[in-house]
Amino acid sequence: MKYVEGNGQMRKMMRVKRVALVLGILLVSVLSLIGILSITRGTPVKAVVAIGDHDGPPVITDSLFAQSMELYTGLHLTRGNAAQQMLNGVGTYPQLWKDLRAARRTITVQMYYSQPGAVADTMAAVLKERARAGVRVLFVLDAFGSQNLKRDWADSLRAGGVELALLRQLHWYSLHNASDRSHVRVVVVDGEVGYTGGFGLADYWLGDGRAKDQWRETNVRFEGPAVMGLQAAFAAAWAECTGELISGDIFFPKKAFTDVDGGVRAGLFFSSPTTGSTPAERFIALSIASARKTLYVANSYFVPDDDFRKLLKQARARGVDVRVLTVSKETDVKTTWWAGRSRYEELLAAGIRIYEYQPTMMHAKTFIVDGLWGSIGSMNFDNRSLAFNNESNLAFLNATLGAQMDSTFLDDLTRSKEITLAEFKRRPWYNRVIEYGAAVFSRLL
């Protein structure tokens, strides 16, 4: 009898273990599925509609456009700014070093990508010199994008009086947020001069953008009320790193908040990942939908999803001259290039013109609509930037700066190859296979 009872208890325990194992497998499967869906999420906006307005969304010159953009994205445009596009390393770093060396009160810097070399060493030397002169210097480096920098480089900054913090270091308890990166670029001097764009601390950003290993880049230097938005973007990163939310007149000078007539109407668009529709998605969607004459997009990682391809095709269908400048085989990320090329045939068939920059890696992230509304910054035209990354862009509504950007875009086309539909259709079959394979992972790129 005891033997039978013992066998019964063993069978019961085995059943409990099997049920626990099945439940454990189901739990792991569900969590894995949630994780996969989390890191492959897209953005939901499929169309921009204007109820009761037969002409569609407001045009760029309509005051409702700027008002709508602010409501949708939080972007606040102010007057009284000065802004200039800074082309490539030769047009950026000399002025940047000059501005940094002129700092008297504060310097705040945030960089996504950095690696050892002359640019990183110059930045370190300038920041240490200013810190020794009594300037408060706050420096944020992305833990992922700057992992190639040596420890002694960082140690020398701290020893020199620079307050250095690492953003989003990866730990076991933060793995669920590993795909959310801050792609932001910030330099603010005395709360008065700001820089953003696609640049970083690496030597391939040196040069004129017309020779191999001298990347083609567009950055922007600006002064005026818009700088406060860039400083606030930095403050968000600094608070995340250190727990300190910086404030006060030393970082946010009262005079900088003055919105005066004249100058460039501009604002700093700072985007953050959210559940569902993101500010970045709404920013791009409304910009495309409001175009009536021209839409010139320059972007290094151009991988528009189904909905954004539809918006671009609709713009072309209503008569907008839509042109896209992107990378060639000189790209630093081949997978993204192949994924982007998987979209070419559909866009070319709709009448959109596509160009690949030939001399070197084209890393700029700009667009200009109707020669008036534009953006210069860090945001790419892919799912990663629109759904996952923090990004910083100076947006503006100004004919003079718009004309300069139109001119720069058209000049870049003279060093680019236009991709024609007939020629593209003749590409080898194995290219199509690679494109398809890369496109499968487009939401992760």
Protein backbone atom coordinates (compact mmCIF):
# COMPACT_ATOMS: atom_id res chain seq x y z
CA MET A 1 0.00 0.00 0.00
CA LYS A 2 2.78 2.43 0.89
CA TYR A 3 4.51 1.60 -2.40
CA VAL A 4 1.36 2.45 -4.40
CA GLU A 5 0.86 5.70 -2.47
CA GLY A 6 4.51 6.64 -3.10
CA ASN A 7 4.14 6.06 -6.84
CA GLY A 8 1.00 8.18 -6.87
CA GLN A 9 2.79 11.07 -5.18
CA MET A 10 5.69 10.81 -7.61
CA ARG A 11 3.31 10.88 -10.59
CA LYS A 12 1.55 13.89 -9.12
CA MET A 13 4.87 15.70 -8.66
CA MET A 14 5.88 14.86 -12.23
CA ARG A 15 2.60 16.31 -13.52
CA VAL A 16 3.18 19.50 -11.51
CA LYS A 17 6.70 19.79 -12.90
CA ARG A 18 5.46 19.27 -16.46
CA VAL A 19 2.77 21.93 -16.02
CA ALA A 20 5.35 24.31 -14.51
CA LEU A 21 7.70 23.62 -17.43
CA VAL A 22 4.95 24.28 -19.99
CA LEU A 23 3.93 27.48 -18.20
CA GLY A 24 7.58 28.55 -18.03
CA ILE A 25 8.04 27.96 -21.76
CA LEU A 26 4.84 29.89 -22.49
CA LEU A 27 5.99 32.78 -20.29
CA VAL A 28 9.40 32.93 -21.95
CA SER A 29 7.74 32.75 -25.39
CA VAL A 30 5.34 35.57 -24.56
CA LEU A 31 8.13 37.74 -23.16
CA SER A 32 10.29 36.99 -26.19
CA LEU A 33 7.43 37.95 -28.51
CA ILE A 34 6.87 41.18 -26.56
CA GLY A 35 10.58 41.91 -26.84
CA ILE A 36 10.64 41.26 -30.58
CA LEU A 37 7.58 43.43 -31.13
CA SER A 38 9.12 46.15 -28.96
CA ILE A 39 12.36 46.35 -30.94
CA THR A 40 10.57 46.18 -34.30
CA ARG A 41 7.77 48.64 -33.62
CA GLY A 42 7.00 51.14 -36.33
CA THR A 43 5.00 54.36 -36.49
CA PRO A 44 1.24 54.37 -37.14
CA VAL A 45 0.47 57.52 -39.18
CA LYS A 46 -0.71 56.46 -42.64
CA ALA A 47 -2.07 59.72 -44.01
CA VAL A 48 -2.45 63.43 -43.31
CA VAL A 49 -6.04 64.53 -43.83
CA ALA A 50 -7.67 67.95 -43.74
CA ILE A 51 -11.36 67.70 -42.91
CA GLY A 52 -13.39 70.38 -44.69
CA ASP A 53 -10.42 71.69 -46.64
CA HIS A 54 -10.38 70.55 -50.24
CA ASP A 55 -6.84 71.83 -50.78
CA GLY A 56 -5.35 69.49 -48.21
CA PRO A 57 -3.14 70.30 -45.20
CA PRO A 58 -2.00 73.91 -44.72
CA VAL A 59 0.73 75.13 -47.04
CA ILE A 60 4.05 76.25 -45.58
CA THR A 61 3.16 79.95 -45.86
CA ASP A 62 -0.16 79.50 -43.99
CA SER A 63 0.13 80.48 -40.32
CA LEU A 64 -1.82 77.32 -39.52
CA PHE A 65 1.17 75.24 -40.66
CA ALA A 66 3.52 76.50 -37.93
CA GLN A 67 0.72 76.35 -35.38
CA SER A 68 -0.12 72.76 -36.33
CA MET A 69 3.53 71.77 -36.23
CA GLU A 70 3.85 73.14 -32.69
CA LEU A 71 0.71 71.34 -31.53
CA TYR A 72 1.77 68.04 -33.10
CA THR A 73 5.43 68.02 -32.10
CA GLY A 74 6.08 70.64 -29.42
CA LEU A 75 8.32 72.56 -31.82
CA HIS A 76 8.13 76.28 -31.02
CA LEU A 77 9.36 78.67 -33.73
CA THR A 78 10.74 82.01 -32.58
CA ARG A 79 11.99 85.06 -34.43
CA GLY A 80 15.28 86.82 -33.88
CA ASN A 81 17.57 83.88 -34.61
CA ALA A 82 20.70 83.81 -36.75
CA ALA A 83 21.46 80.51 -38.45
CA GLN A 84 23.99 79.29 -40.98
CA GLN A 85 24.55 75.89 -42.50
CA MET A 86 28.05 74.57 -41.84
CA LEU A 87 29.22 72.27 -44.60
CA ASN A 88 31.59 69.39 -43.88
CA GLY A 89 34.50 69.40 -41.47
CA VAL A 90 36.29 72.27 -43.15
CA GLY A 91 33.22 74.45 -42.70
CA THR A 92 32.42 73.31 -39.16
CA TYR A 93 35.36 72.57 -36.89
CA PRO A 94 37.42 75.78 -37.29
CA GLN A 95 34.44 77.92 -36.24
CA LEU A 96 33.44 75.40 -33.55
CA TRP A 97 36.89 75.48 -31.94
CA LYS A 98 36.84 79.28 -32.09
CA ASP A 99 33.45 79.48 -30.37
CA LEU A 100 34.44 76.98 -27.68
CA ARG A 101 37.68 78.83 -26.92
CA ALA A 102 35.66 82.04 -26.50
CA ALA A 103 33.43 80.52 -23.78
CA ARG A 104 33.32 82.53 -20.56
CA ARG A 105 30.68 80.85 -18.39
CA THR A 106 29.45 77.45 -19.61
CA ILE A 107 29.96 74.81 -22.27
CA THR A 108 27.57 71.90 -22.73
CA VAL A 109 28.40 69.14 -25.22
CA GLN A 110 26.59 65.93 -26.11
CA MET A 111 27.98 63.55 -28.75
CA TYR A 112 26.64 60.27 -30.06
CA TYR A 113 29.57 58.90 -32.06
CA SER A 114 33.21 59.32 -31.12
CA GLN A 115 36.46 57.53 -31.77
CA PRO A 116 40.15 58.25 -31.10
CA GLY A 117 41.85 60.75 -33.37
CA ALA A 118 42.63 64.38 -34.00
CA VAL A 119 39.05 65.63 -33.64
CA ALA A 120 38.52 63.90 -30.28
CA ASP A 121 41.91 65.10 -29.03
CA THR A 122 41.23 68.69 -30.09
CA MET A 123 37.84 68.66 -28.37
CA ALA A 124 39.46 67.31 -25.19
CA ALA A 125 42.22 69.91 -25.25
CA VAL A 126 39.81 72.81 -25.77
CA LEU A 127 37.39 71.65 -23.08
CA LYS A 128 40.18 71.12 -20.53
CA GLU A 129 41.66 74.54 -21.26
CA ARG A 130 38.29 76.22 -20.73
CA ALA A 131 37.64 74.25 -17.55
CA ARG A 132 40.99 75.38 -16.15
CA ALA A 133 39.96 78.96 -17.00
CA GLY A 134 36.92 78.64 -14.73
CA VAL A 135 34.27 77.76 -17.33
CA ARG A 136 31.85 75.08 -16.19
CA VAL A 137 32.07 72.31 -18.79
CA LEU A 138 29.47 69.51 -18.93
CA PHE A 139 30.10 66.71 -21.43
CA VAL A 140 27.78 63.78 -22.25
CA LEU A 141 29.00 60.84 -24.33
CA ASP A 142 26.72 58.08 -25.54
CA ALA A 143 27.93 54.83 -23.97
CA PHE A 144 27.30 52.87 -27.17
CA GLY A 145 28.41 55.36 -29.80
CA SER A 146 31.56 56.39 -27.94
CA GLN A 147 32.72 52.99 -26.70
CA ASN A 148 35.87 53.13 -28.89
CA LEU A 149 37.33 56.03 -26.90
CA LYS A 150 40.09 55.05 -24.51
CA ARG A 151 39.63 55.20 -20.75
CA ASP A 152 42.68 57.42 -20.30
CA TRP A 153 41.14 59.96 -22.72
CA ALA A 154 38.07 60.23 -20.50
CA ASP A 155 40.17 60.20 -17.33
CA SER A 156 42.24 63.14 -18.60
CA LEU A 157 39.06 65.16 -19.14
CA ARG A 158 37.85 64.52 -15.62
CA ALA A 159 41.28 65.31 -14.22
CA GLY A 160 41.19 68.57 -16.18
CA GLY A 161 37.97 69.71 -14.55
CA VAL A 162 35.47 68.60 -17.21
CA GLU A 163 32.30 67.01 -15.81
CA LEU A 164 31.90 63.91 -17.97
CA ALA A 165 28.94 61.52 -17.94
CA LEU A 166 28.07 58.43 -19.99
CA LEU A 167 24.55 58.12 -21.36
CA ARG A 168 22.59 54.84 -21.37
CA GLN A 169 25.21 52.39 -20.28
CA LEU A 170 23.97 48.87 -20.88
CA HIS A 171 23.11 46.78 -17.82
CA TRP A 172 21.13 43.59 -17.40
CA TYR A 173 18.22 45.56 -15.98
CA SER A 174 18.15 47.95 -18.97
CA LEU A 175 18.28 45.37 -21.78
CA HIS A 176 14.63 46.08 -22.60
CA ASN A 177 15.63 49.64 -23.55
CA ALA A 178 18.78 48.71 -25.46
CA SER A 179 17.30 49.76 -28.80
CA ASP A 180 16.45 53.27 -27.57
CA ARG A 181 19.47 55.44 -28.30
CA SER A 182 20.14 59.16 -28.08
CA HIS A 183 21.40 60.22 -31.49
CA VAL A 184 21.46 63.88 -30.42
CA ARG A 185 24.34 66.29 -31.16
CA VAL A 186 24.66 69.33 -28.90
CA VAL A 187 27.22 72.07 -28.48
CA VAL A 188 26.09 75.16 -26.56
CA VAL A 189 28.46 77.96 -25.60
CA ASP A 190 27.43 80.35 -22.81
CA GLY A 191 23.79 79.60 -23.58
CA GLU A 192 24.12 81.84 -26.65
CA VAL A 193 25.65 79.84 -29.51
CA GLY A 194 24.42 76.41 -30.53
CA TYR A 195 25.51 73.69 -32.94
CA THR A 196 23.72 70.56 -34.06
CA GLY A 197 23.79 68.32 -37.11
CA GLY A 198 25.26 64.95 -37.97
CA PHE A 199 28.87 65.53 -36.91
CA GLY A 200 30.78 63.77 -34.16
CA LEU A 201 34.27 63.22 -32.82
CA ALA A 202 35.87 61.19 -35.61
CA ASP A 203 38.48 62.13 -38.19
CA TYR A 204 36.40 61.15 -41.23
CA TRP A 205 34.30 64.22 -40.49
CA LEU A 206 37.33 66.32 -41.42
CA GLY A 207 37.79 67.58 -44.97
CA ASP A 208 35.54 68.96 -47.67
CA GLY A 209 33.16 66.07 -48.33
CA ARG A 210 34.47 65.54 -51.84
CA ALA A 211 37.21 62.96 -51.28
CA LYS A 212 37.14 59.42 -50.01
CA ASP A 213 37.21 59.16 -46.21
CA GLN A 214 36.16 62.84 -45.91
CA TRP A 215 32.46 62.58 -45.17
CA ARG A 216 29.89 64.91 -46.72
CA GLU A 217 28.10 66.50 -43.75
CA THR A 218 25.71 69.38 -43.05
CA ASN A 219 25.60 70.99 -39.62
CA VAL A 220 24.12 74.24 -38.39
CA ARG A 221 25.39 77.03 -36.14
CA PHE A 222 22.75 79.31 -34.65
CA GLU A 223 22.18 82.05 -32.11
CA GLY A 224 19.03 83.43 -30.55
CA PRO A 225 16.04 81.99 -28.68
CA ALA A 226 16.29 78.64 -30.51
CA VAL A 227 19.50 77.88 -28.60
CA MET A 228 17.45 77.43 -25.44
CA GLY A 229 15.73 74.44 -27.02
CA LEU A 230 19.09 72.83 -27.71
CA GLN A 231 20.20 73.53 -24.15
CA ALA A 232 17.02 71.90 -22.88
CA ALA A 233 17.76 68.82 -25.00
CA PHE A 234 21.16 68.61 -23.34
CA ALA A 235 19.60 69.13 -19.90
CA ALA A 236 17.36 66.10 -20.48
CA ALA A 237 20.39 63.91 -21.20
CA TRP A 238 22.36 65.32 -18.26
CA ALA A 239 19.47 64.64 -15.90
CA GLU A 240 19.25 61.07 -17.19
CA CYS A 241 22.98 60.52 -16.64
CA THR A 242 23.49 62.25 -13.32
CA GLY A 243 20.11 62.90 -11.73
CA GLU A 244 20.81 66.66 -11.89
CA LEU A 245 18.43 68.91 -13.81
CA ILE A 246 20.42 72.01 -14.67
CA SER A 247 18.72 75.40 -14.55
CA GLY A 248 19.42 79.04 -13.88
CA ASP A 249 20.67 82.04 -15.78
CA ILE A 250 24.16 80.61 -16.25
CA PHE A 251 22.76 77.91 -18.55
CA PHE A 252 19.57 79.67 -19.69
CA PRO A 253 20.36 83.41 -19.95
CA LYS A 254 17.24 85.54 -19.58
CA LYS A 255 18.11 87.61 -22.63
CA ALA A 256 18.13 84.46 -24.76
CA PHE A 257 14.38 84.07 -24.31
CA THR A 258 13.65 87.36 -26.03
CA ASP A 259 11.59 86.80 -29.19
CA VAL A 260 12.32 89.81 -31.41
CA ASP A 261 11.35 90.71 -34.95
CA GLY A 262 13.68 89.96 -37.81
CA GLY A 263 16.26 87.26 -38.27
CA VAL A 264 15.47 83.63 -38.94
CA ARG A 265 12.26 82.13 -37.63
CA ALA A 266 13.46 78.85 -36.16
CA GLY A 267 13.17 76.37 -33.34
CA LEU A 268 14.92 73.28 -32.00
CA PHE A 269 13.00 70.09 -32.69
CA PHE A 270 13.91 67.52 -30.05
CA SER A 271 12.27 64.15 -30.58
CA SER A 272 11.94 61.30 -28.11
CA PRO A 273 10.65 57.74 -28.60
CA THR A 274 7.10 57.15 -27.39
CA THR A 275 4.45 54.48 -27.57
CA GLY A 276 2.40 54.90 -30.73
CA SER A 277 2.76 57.95 -32.93
CA THR A 278 6.01 59.83 -32.28
CA PRO A 279 6.78 63.55 -32.63
CA ALA A 280 9.39 62.69 -35.26
CA GLU A 281 6.83 60.84 -37.36
CA ARG A 282 4.36 63.71 -37.15
CA PHE A 283 7.10 66.23 -37.97
CA ILE A 284 8.08 64.46 -41.20
CA ALA A 285 4.53 63.55 -42.21
CA LEU A 286 3.16 67.10 -41.92
CA SER A 287 6.23 68.53 -43.71
CA ILE A 288 5.75 66.20 -46.69
CA ALA A 289 1.98 66.70 -46.82
CA SER A 290 2.35 70.50 -46.84
CA ALA A 291 4.77 70.62 -49.79
CA ARG A 292 3.38 72.23 -52.93
CA LYS A 293 6.38 73.02 -55.14
CA THR A 294 9.59 71.29 -54.11
CA LEU A 295 10.70 68.68 -51.58
CA TYR A 296 14.44 68.05 -51.44
CA VAL A 297 15.54 65.33 -49.03
CA ALA A 298 19.22 64.66 -48.27
CA ASN A 299 19.64 61.71 -45.94
CA SER A 300 22.35 59.17 -45.38
CA TYR A 301 20.02 56.40 -44.23
CA PHE A 302 16.96 56.67 -46.45
CA VAL A 303 14.66 53.71 -45.72
CA PRO A 304 11.08 55.05 -45.79
CA ASP A 305 8.40 52.60 -44.68
CA ASP A 306 5.17 51.89 -46.58
CA ASP A 307 3.32 54.90 -45.19
CA PHE A 308 6.10 57.41 -45.84
CA ARG A 309 6.57 56.09 -49.36
CA LYS A 310 2.87 56.69 -49.87
CA LEU A 311 3.19 60.28 -48.59
CA LEU A 312 6.15 60.91 -50.91
CA LYS A 313 4.26 59.49 -53.90
CA GLN A 314 1.21 61.60 -53.07
CA ALA A 315 3.42 64.71 -53.02
CA ARG A 316 4.75 63.86 -56.46
CA ALA A 317 1.22 63.16 -57.73
CA ARG A 318 0.09 66.67 -56.80
CA GLY A 319 2.96 68.17 -58.79
CA VAL A 320 5.71 68.53 -56.20
CA ASP A 321 9.27 68.13 -57.49
CA VAL A 322 10.42 65.40 -55.10
CA ARG A 323 14.13 64.57 -55.11
CA VAL A 324 16.13 62.39 -52.75
CA LEU A 325 19.90 62.50 -52.26
CA THR A 326 21.35 59.55 -50.38
CA VAL A 327 24.46 57.41 -50.10
CA SER A 328 26.17 55.26 -52.69
CA LYS A 329 28.24 52.12 -52.20
CA GLU A 330 30.61 54.40 -50.21
CA THR A 331 28.24 54.08 -47.25
CA ASP A 332 29.45 53.01 -43.84
CA VAL A 333 26.40 50.76 -43.31
CA LYS A 334 25.86 48.53 -46.33
CA THR A 335 22.77 46.82 -44.90
CA THR A 336 20.88 50.10 -44.67
CA TRP A 337 21.92 51.03 -48.21
CA TRP A 338 20.59 47.74 -49.56
CA ALA A 339 17.35 48.14 -47.59
CA GLY A 340 16.93 51.66 -48.97
CA ARG A 341 17.52 50.46 -52.53
CA SER A 342 14.70 47.96 -52.10
CA ARG A 343 12.39 51.01 -52.13
CA TYR A 344 13.84 52.68 -55.23
CA GLU A 345 11.80 50.98 -57.93
CA GLU A 346 8.46 51.91 -56.36
CA LEU A 347 9.49 55.54 -55.84
CA LEU A 348 11.10 55.94 -59.27
CA ALA A 349 7.98 54.56 -60.94
CA ALA A 350 5.99 57.32 -59.19
CA GLY A 351 8.25 60.02 -60.68
CA ILE A 352 10.43 60.67 -57.64
CA ARG A 353 14.05 61.37 -58.57
CA ILE A 354 16.77 59.60 -56.58
CA TYR A 355 20.49 60.38 -56.53
CA GLU A 356 23.43 58.63 -54.90
CA TYR A 357 26.37 60.77 -53.79
CA GLN A 358 29.54 59.42 -55.40
CA PRO A 359 32.78 60.83 -53.90
CA THR A 360 32.44 59.60 -50.31
CA MET A 361 30.01 58.79 -47.51
CA MET A 362 27.10 61.24 -47.56
CA HIS A 363 26.06 61.68 -43.92
CA ALA A 364 23.86 64.81 -44.06
CA LYS A 365 20.30 64.79 -42.70
CA THR A 366 18.38 67.71 -44.17
CA PHE A 367 15.23 68.53 -46.04
CA ILE A 368 13.86 71.70 -47.58
CA VAL A 369 10.22 72.23 -48.59
CA ASP A 370 9.16 74.88 -51.12
CA GLY A 371 12.41 76.73 -50.50
CA LEU A 372 11.10 77.97 -47.13
CA TRP A 373 10.64 75.25 -44.55
CA GLY A 374 13.68 73.17 -43.69
CA SER A 375 15.53 71.08 -41.16
CA ILE A 376 19.18 70.40 -40.38
CA GLY A 377 20.13 67.91 -37.72
CA SER A 378 20.69 64.34 -36.65
CA MET A 379 17.44 62.63 -37.71
CA ASN A 380 17.58 59.99 -40.41
CA PHE A 381 14.76 58.96 -42.72
CA ASP A 382 14.41 55.47 -41.27
CA ASN A 383 12.40 53.66 -38.64
CA ARG A 384 15.20 53.84 -36.07
CA SER A 385 15.19 57.65 -36.02
CA LEU A 386 11.42 57.97 -36.22
CA ALA A 387 10.50 55.32 -33.63
CA PHE A 388 13.48 54.68 -31.34
CA ASN A 389 16.00 57.52 -31.15
CA ASN A 390 16.27 60.87 -29.46
CA GLU A 391 17.14 63.34 -32.23
CA SER A 392 17.97 67.05 -32.50
CA ASN A 393 17.14 69.19 -35.54
CA LEU A 394 17.02 72.91 -36.11
CA ALA A 395 13.82 73.60 -38.04
CA PHE A 396 13.34 76.95 -39.75
CA LEU A 397 10.91 78.94 -41.86
CA ASN A 398 13.03 81.39 -43.82
CA ALA A 399 13.44 82.16 -47.53
CA THR A 400 17.10 83.20 -47.36
CA LEU A 401 18.31 80.10 -45.54
CA GLY A 402 15.93 78.02 -47.65
CA ALA A 403 17.49 79.34 -50.85
CA GLN A 404 20.96 78.51 -49.52
CA MET A 405 19.90 74.97 -48.75
CA ASP A 406 18.28 74.57 -52.16
CA SER A 407 21.55 75.71 -53.72
CA THR A 408 23.59 73.30 -51.60
CA PHE A 409 21.30 70.41 -52.49
CA LEU A 410 21.47 71.10 -56.22
CA ASP A 411 25.24 71.50 -56.04
CA ASP A 412 25.52 68.10 -54.36
CA LEU A 413 23.59 66.59 -57.25
CA THR A 414 26.43 67.55 -59.60
CA ARG A 415 28.60 65.04 -57.74
CA SER A 416 25.90 62.38 -57.64
CA LYS A 417 24.57 59.70 -59.93
CA GLU A 418 20.87 59.84 -60.76
CA ILE A 419 19.23 56.45 -60.55
CA THR A 420 16.85 55.93 -63.47
CA LEU A 421 14.02 53.42 -63.45
CA ALA A 422 15.05 51.72 -66.69
CA GLU A 423 18.63 51.24 -65.52
CA PHE A 424 17.64 50.16 -62.02
CA LYS A 425 15.33 47.48 -63.36
CA ARG A 426 18.32 45.93 -65.13
CA ARG A 427 20.25 45.35 -61.91
CA PRO A 428 21.43 41.76 -61.30
CA TRP A 429 19.02 39.29 -59.71
CA TYR A 430 21.34 38.76 -56.77
CA ASN A 431 21.12 42.47 -55.94
CA ARG A 432 17.38 42.05 -55.60
CA VAL A 433 17.91 39.11 -53.25
CA ILE A 434 20.27 41.16 -51.06
CA GLU A 435 17.85 44.11 -51.08
CA TYR A 436 14.97 41.87 -50.04
CA GLY A 437 17.01 40.31 -47.25
CA ALA A 438 18.07 43.72 -45.93
CA ALA A 439 14.50 45.06 -46.15
CA VAL A 440 13.31 42.30 -43.81
CA PHE A 441 15.36 43.93 -41.06
CA SER A 442 14.54 47.54 -42.03
CA ARG A 443 12.76 48.32 -38.76
CA LEU A 444 15.91 47.48 -36.83
CA LEU A 445 18.38 49.44 -38.97
